């Protein structure tokens, strides 16, 4: 990935089994709309997202969502082109489960490295980040995506 002035982050592709894609995520108002551009996950079993926090400022929580799309060319700005990776939330009282978005939350106190993984879904996947609690005053993270081969 390469840095971007906007909320999208360009992704560099290669023919290898693992693709490293990195970018700087600039601090915006709550990181609204901070997302990587799509990573092509055809013929892969999953994606590992590594987030390097470089300047946490006053941030105390970082939230993430992993999106996927099976469209040929999804529009990064059109929510209907994307679905979220979901997990089961089992209700202990009934044993039934609800599907909920997989939304990892990380407590932040110092600059650190975070990671989340997801099975490949659809053709494209992307990671969205936002500051759950606090504010950032500078560019605060870079993101790498590693595709896992079949």
C-alpha atoms as a PDB file:
ATOM      1  CA  UNK A   1       0.000   0.000   0.000  1.00  0.00           C
ATOM      2  CA  UNK A   2       1.087   3.529  -0.442  1.00  0.00           C
ATOM      3  CA  UNK A   3       0.133   6.581   1.575  1.00  0.00           C
ATOM      4  CA  UNK A   4      -2.962   8.489   0.608  1.00  0.00           C
ATOM      5  CA  UNK A   5      -4.248  11.961   1.381  1.00  0.00           C
ATOM      6  CA  UNK A   6      -7.800  10.637   1.438  1.00  0.00           C
ATOM      7  CA  UNK A   7      -9.384   7.918   3.538  1.00  0.00           C
ATOM      8  CA  UNK A   8      -8.481   5.153   1.054  1.00  0.00           C
ATOM      9  CA  UNK A   9      -5.125   3.412   1.061  1.00  0.00           C
ATOM     10  CA  UNK A  10      -3.716   2.021  -2.197  1.00  0.00           C
ATOM     11  CA  UNK A  11      -2.745  -1.659  -2.219  1.00  0.00           C
ATOM     12  CA  UNK A  12       0.297  -3.041  -4.017  1.00  0.00           C
ATOM     13  CA  UNK A  13      -0.277  -6.477  -5.562  1.00  0.00           C
ATOM     14  CA  UNK A  14       2.184  -9.173  -6.649  1.00  0.00           C
ATOM     15  CA  UNK A  15       1.985 -12.742  -7.854  1.00  0.00           C
ATOM     16  CA  UNK A  16       3.362 -14.248  -4.652  1.00  0.00           C
ATOM     17  CA  UNK A  17       1.501 -16.339  -2.088  1.00  0.00           C
ATOM     18  CA  UNK A  18       1.840 -13.544   0.460  1.00  0.00           C
ATOM     19  CA  UNK A  19       1.404  -9.921  -0.482  1.00  0.00           C
ATOM     20  CA  UNK A  20       2.707  -7.190   1.748  1.00  0.00           C
ATOM     21  CA  UNK A  21       0.707  -4.022   1.459  1.00  0.00           C
ATOM     22  CA  UNK A  22       1.570  -1.089   3.669  1.00  0.00           C
ATOM     23  CA  UNK A  23       0.263   2.430   4.105  1.00  0.00           C
ATOM     24  CA  UNK A  24       0.191   5.357   6.451  1.00  0.00           C
ATOM     25  CA  UNK A  25      -3.230   6.109   7.900  1.00  0.00           C
ATOM     26  CA  UNK A  26      -3.543   9.819   8.619  1.00  0.00           C
ATOM     27  CA  UNK A  27      -5.318  11.072  11.689  1.00  0.00           C
ATOM     28  CA  UNK A  28      -8.706  12.486  10.759  1.00  0.00           C
ATOM     29  CA  UNK A  29     -11.773  13.328  12.803  1.00  0.00           C
ATOM     30  CA  UNK A  30     -12.151  10.000  14.572  1.00  0.00           C
ATOM     31  CA  UNK A  31     -10.521   8.308  11.558  1.00  0.00           C
ATOM     32  CA  UNK A  32     -13.954   8.439   9.928  1.00  0.00           C
ATOM     33  CA  UNK A  33     -13.731   6.392   6.759  1.00  0.00           C
ATOM     34  CA  UNK A  34     -10.088   5.321   7.207  1.00  0.00           C
ATOM     35  CA  UNK A  35      -9.849   2.130   5.194  1.00  0.00           C
ATOM     36  CA  UNK A  36      -7.489   0.202   3.024  1.00  0.00           C
ATOM     37  CA  UNK A  37      -8.328  -0.171  -0.626  1.00  0.00           C
ATOM     38  CA  UNK A  38      -9.426  -3.691  -1.575  1.00  0.00           C
ATOM     39  CA  UNK A  39      -7.019  -6.622  -1.384  1.00  0.00           C
ATOM     40  CA  UNK A  40      -7.683  -9.336  -4.002  1.00  0.00           C
ATOM     41  CA  UNK A  41      -8.143 -12.606  -2.074  1.00  0.00           C
ATOM     42  CA  UNK A  42      -8.886 -14.964  -4.979  1.00  0.00           C
ATOM     43  CA  UNK A  43      -7.178 -18.334  -4.438  1.00  0.00           C
ATOM     44  CA  UNK A  44      -6.263 -17.449  -0.857  1.00  0.00           C
ATOM     45  CA  UNK A  45      -7.633 -18.806   2.411  1.00  0.00           C
ATOM     46  CA  UNK A  46      -7.298 -15.723   4.580  1.00  0.00           C
ATOM     47  CA  UNK A  47      -5.802 -12.342   5.306  1.00  0.00           C
ATOM     48  CA  UNK A  48      -3.704 -11.264   8.277  1.00  0.00           C
ATOM     49  CA  UNK A  49      -3.899  -7.523   8.960  1.00  0.00           C
ATOM     50  CA  UNK A  50      -1.033  -5.982  10.926  1.00  0.00           C
ATOM     51  CA  UNK A  51      -1.500  -2.441  12.255  1.00  0.00           C
ATOM     52  CA  UNK A  52       1.574  -0.589  13.471  1.00  0.00           C
ATOM     53  CA  UNK A  53       0.588   2.261  15.782  1.00  0.00           C
ATOM     54  CA  UNK A  54       3.267   4.918  15.579  1.00  0.00           C
ATOM     55  CA  UNK A  55       1.756   7.894  17.417  1.00  0.00           C
ATOM     56  CA  UNK A  56      -1.170   7.206  19.708  1.00  0.00           C
ATOM     57  CA  UNK A  57      -1.617  10.769  20.991  1.00  0.00           C
ATOM     58  CA  UNK A  58      -4.676  10.753  23.231  1.00  0.00           C
ATOM     59  CA  UNK A  59      -6.132   7.524  21.803  1.00  0.00           C
ATOM     60  CA  UNK A  60      -7.261   4.963  24.373  1.00  0.00           C
ATOM     61  CA  UNK A  61      -9.156   2.564  22.074  1.00  0.00           C
ATOM     62  CA  UNK A  62      -8.829   1.566  18.414  1.00  0.00           C
ATOM     63  CA  UNK A  63     -11.712  -0.221  16.655  1.00  0.00           C
ATOM     64  CA  UNK A  64     -11.556  -2.256  13.434  1.00  0.00           C
ATOM     65  CA  UNK A  65     -13.939  -3.859  10.945  1.00  0.00           C
ATOM     66  CA  UNK A  66     -13.069  -6.261   8.139  1.00  0.00           C
ATOM     67  CA  UNK A  67     -15.183  -5.894   4.989  1.00  0.00           C
ATOM     68  CA  UNK A  68     -15.508  -8.166   1.970  1.00  0.00           C
ATOM     69  CA  UNK A  69     -17.085  -7.940  -1.480  1.00  0.00           C
ATOM     70  CA  UNK A  70     -17.728 -10.386  -4.289  1.00  0.00           C
ATOM     71  CA  UNK A  71     -18.310  -7.639  -6.852  1.00  0.00           C
ATOM     72  CA  UNK A  72     -15.904  -7.423  -9.784  1.00  0.00           C
ATOM     73  CA  UNK A  73     -15.059  -3.784  -9.012  1.00  0.00           C
ATOM     74  CA  UNK A  74     -16.573  -2.658  -5.687  1.00  0.00           C
ATOM     75  CA  UNK A  75     -16.775   1.055  -5.017  1.00  0.00           C
ATOM     76  CA  UNK A  76     -14.940   1.820  -1.774  1.00  0.00           C
ATOM     77  CA  UNK A  77     -17.396   4.634  -1.019  1.00  0.00           C
ATOM     78  CA  UNK A  78     -20.590   2.580  -1.558  1.00  0.00           C
ATOM     79  CA  UNK A  79     -21.623   0.680   1.569  1.00  0.00           C
ATOM     80  CA  UNK A  80     -23.951  -1.614  -0.433  1.00  0.00           C
ATOM     81  CA  UNK A  81     -20.890  -3.010  -2.270  1.00  0.00           C
ATOM     82  CA  UNK A  82     -19.487  -4.385   0.998  1.00  0.00           C
ATOM     83  CA  UNK A  83     -20.448  -6.828   3.758  1.00  0.00           C
ATOM     84  CA  UNK A  84     -18.711  -7.317   7.086  1.00  0.00           C
ATOM     85  CA  UNK A  85     -17.035 -10.482   8.303  1.00  0.00           C
ATOM     86  CA  UNK A  86     -19.403 -11.823  10.946  1.00  0.00           C
ATOM     87  CA  UNK A  87     -19.174 -14.161  13.920  1.00  0.00           C
ATOM     88  CA  UNK A  88     -21.720 -15.900  16.104  1.00  0.00           C
ATOM     89  CA  UNK A  89     -22.771 -14.399  19.411  1.00  0.00           C
ATOM     90  CA  UNK A  90     -24.295 -17.280  21.370  1.00  0.00           C
ATOM     91  CA  UNK A  91     -27.022 -16.290  23.810  1.00  0.00           C
ATOM     92  CA  UNK A  92     -26.291 -18.424  26.870  1.00  0.00           C
ATOM     93  CA  UNK A  93     -29.866 -18.389  28.144  1.00  0.00           C
ATOM     94  CA  UNK A  94     -31.293 -19.907  24.943  1.00  0.00           C
ATOM     95  CA  UNK A  95     -28.336 -21.529  23.205  1.00  0.00           C
ATOM     96  CA  UNK A  96     -29.310 -19.646  20.046  1.00  0.00           C
ATOM     97  CA  UNK A  97     -26.858 -17.492  18.167  1.00  0.00           C
ATOM     98  CA  UNK A  98     -27.034 -14.119  16.522  1.00  0.00           C
ATOM     99  CA  UNK A  99     -24.643 -13.066  13.778  1.00  0.00           C
ATOM    100  CA  UNK A 100     -22.737  -9.903  14.643  1.00  0.00           C
ATOM    101  CA  UNK A 101     -19.989  -7.972  12.883  1.00  0.00           C
ATOM    102  CA  UNK A 102     -16.503  -9.096  13.859  1.00  0.00           C
ATOM    103  CA  UNK A 103     -15.306  -5.803  15.333  1.00  0.00           C
ATOM    104  CA  UNK A 104     -12.036  -6.144  17.255  1.00  0.00           C
ATOM    105  CA  UNK A 105     -11.400  -3.417  19.834  1.00  0.00           C
ATOM    106  CA  UNK A 106      -7.992  -2.721  21.293  1.00  0.00           C
ATOM    107  CA  UNK A 107      -7.203  -0.746  24.440  1.00  0.00           C
ATOM    108  CA  UNK A 108      -4.346   1.610  23.611  1.00  0.00           C
ATOM    109  CA  UNK A 109      -1.847   3.135  26.023  1.00  0.00           C
ATOM    110  CA  UNK A 110       1.393   3.179  23.993  1.00  0.00           C
ATOM    111  CA  UNK A 111       2.522   2.759  20.387  1.00  0.00           C
ATOM    112  CA  UNK A 112       2.328  -0.958  19.571  1.00  0.00           C
ATOM    113  CA  UNK A 113       1.621  -3.545  16.904  1.00  0.00           C
ATOM    114  CA  UNK A 114      -1.878  -5.042  16.572  1.00  0.00           C
ATOM    115  CA  UNK A 115      -3.057  -7.927  14.441  1.00  0.00           C
ATOM    116  CA  UNK A 116      -6.334  -9.394  13.264  1.00  0.00           C
ATOM    117  CA  UNK A 117      -6.985 -12.309  10.921  1.00  0.00           C
ATOM    118  CA  UNK A 118      -9.982 -13.308   8.875  1.00  0.00           C
ATOM    119  CA  UNK A 119     -10.825 -16.118   6.484  1.00  0.00           C
ATOM    120  CA  UNK A 120     -10.985 -15.025   2.853  1.00  0.00           C
ATOM    121  CA  UNK A 121     -14.503 -14.036   1.782  1.00  0.00           C
ATOM    122  CA  UNK A 122     -15.642 -12.971  -1.679  1.00  0.00           C
ATOM    123  CA  UNK A 123     -13.051 -11.582  -4.080  1.00  0.00           C
ATOM    124  CA  UNK A 124     -11.959  -8.438  -2.213  1.00  0.00           C
ATOM    125  CA  UNK A 125     -11.298  -7.603   1.437  1.00  0.00           C
ATOM    126  CA  UNK A 126     -10.380  -4.405   3.254  1.00  0.00           C
ATOM    127  CA  UNK A 127      -9.776  -3.217   6.802  1.00  0.00           C
ATOM    128  CA  UNK A 128     -11.480  -0.187   8.361  1.00  0.00           C
ATOM    129  CA  UNK A 129     -10.044   1.616  11.375  1.00  0.00           C
ATOM    130  CA  UNK A 130     -11.415   4.267  13.641  1.00  0.00           C
ATOM    131  CA  UNK A 131     -10.558   5.778  16.971  1.00  0.00           C
ATOM    132  CA  UNK A 132     -13.008   4.346  19.468  1.00  0.00           C
ATOM    133  CA  UNK A 133     -11.989   6.684  22.283  1.00  0.00           C
ATOM    134  CA  UNK A 134      -9.697   9.709  22.146  1.00  0.00           C
ATOM    135  CA  UNK A 135      -8.230  11.844  19.386  1.00  0.00           C
ATOM    136  CA  UNK A 136      -5.119  11.730  17.238  1.00  0.00           C
ATOM    137  CA  UNK A 137      -3.207  14.794  16.160  1.00  0.00           C
ATOM    138  CA  UNK A 138      -0.809  13.265  13.614  1.00  0.00           C
ATOM    139  CA  UNK A 139      -0.559  10.279  11.287  1.00  0.00           C
ATOM    140  CA  UNK A 140      -0.828   7.414  13.676  1.00  0.00           C
ATOM    141  CA  UNK A 141      -0.739   4.017  11.951  1.00  0.00           C
ATOM    142  CA  UNK A 142       0.515   1.998   9.042  1.00  0.00           C
ATOM    143  CA  UNK A 143      -1.261  -1.158   7.868  1.00  0.00           C
ATOM    144  CA  UNK A 144       0.091  -4.310   6.226  1.00  0.00           C
ATOM    145  CA  UNK A 145      -2.047  -7.060   4.713  1.00  0.00           C
ATOM    146  CA  UNK A 146      -0.684 -10.579   4.212  1.00  0.00           C
ATOM    147  CA  UNK A 147      -2.717 -12.963   2.087  1.00  0.00           C
ATOM    148  CA  UNK A 148      -2.448 -16.620   3.086  1.00  0.00           C
ATOM    149  CA  UNK A 149      -2.198 -19.035   0.159  1.00  0.00           C
ATOM    150  CA  UNK A 150      -4.302 -22.175  -0.234  1.00  0.00           C
END
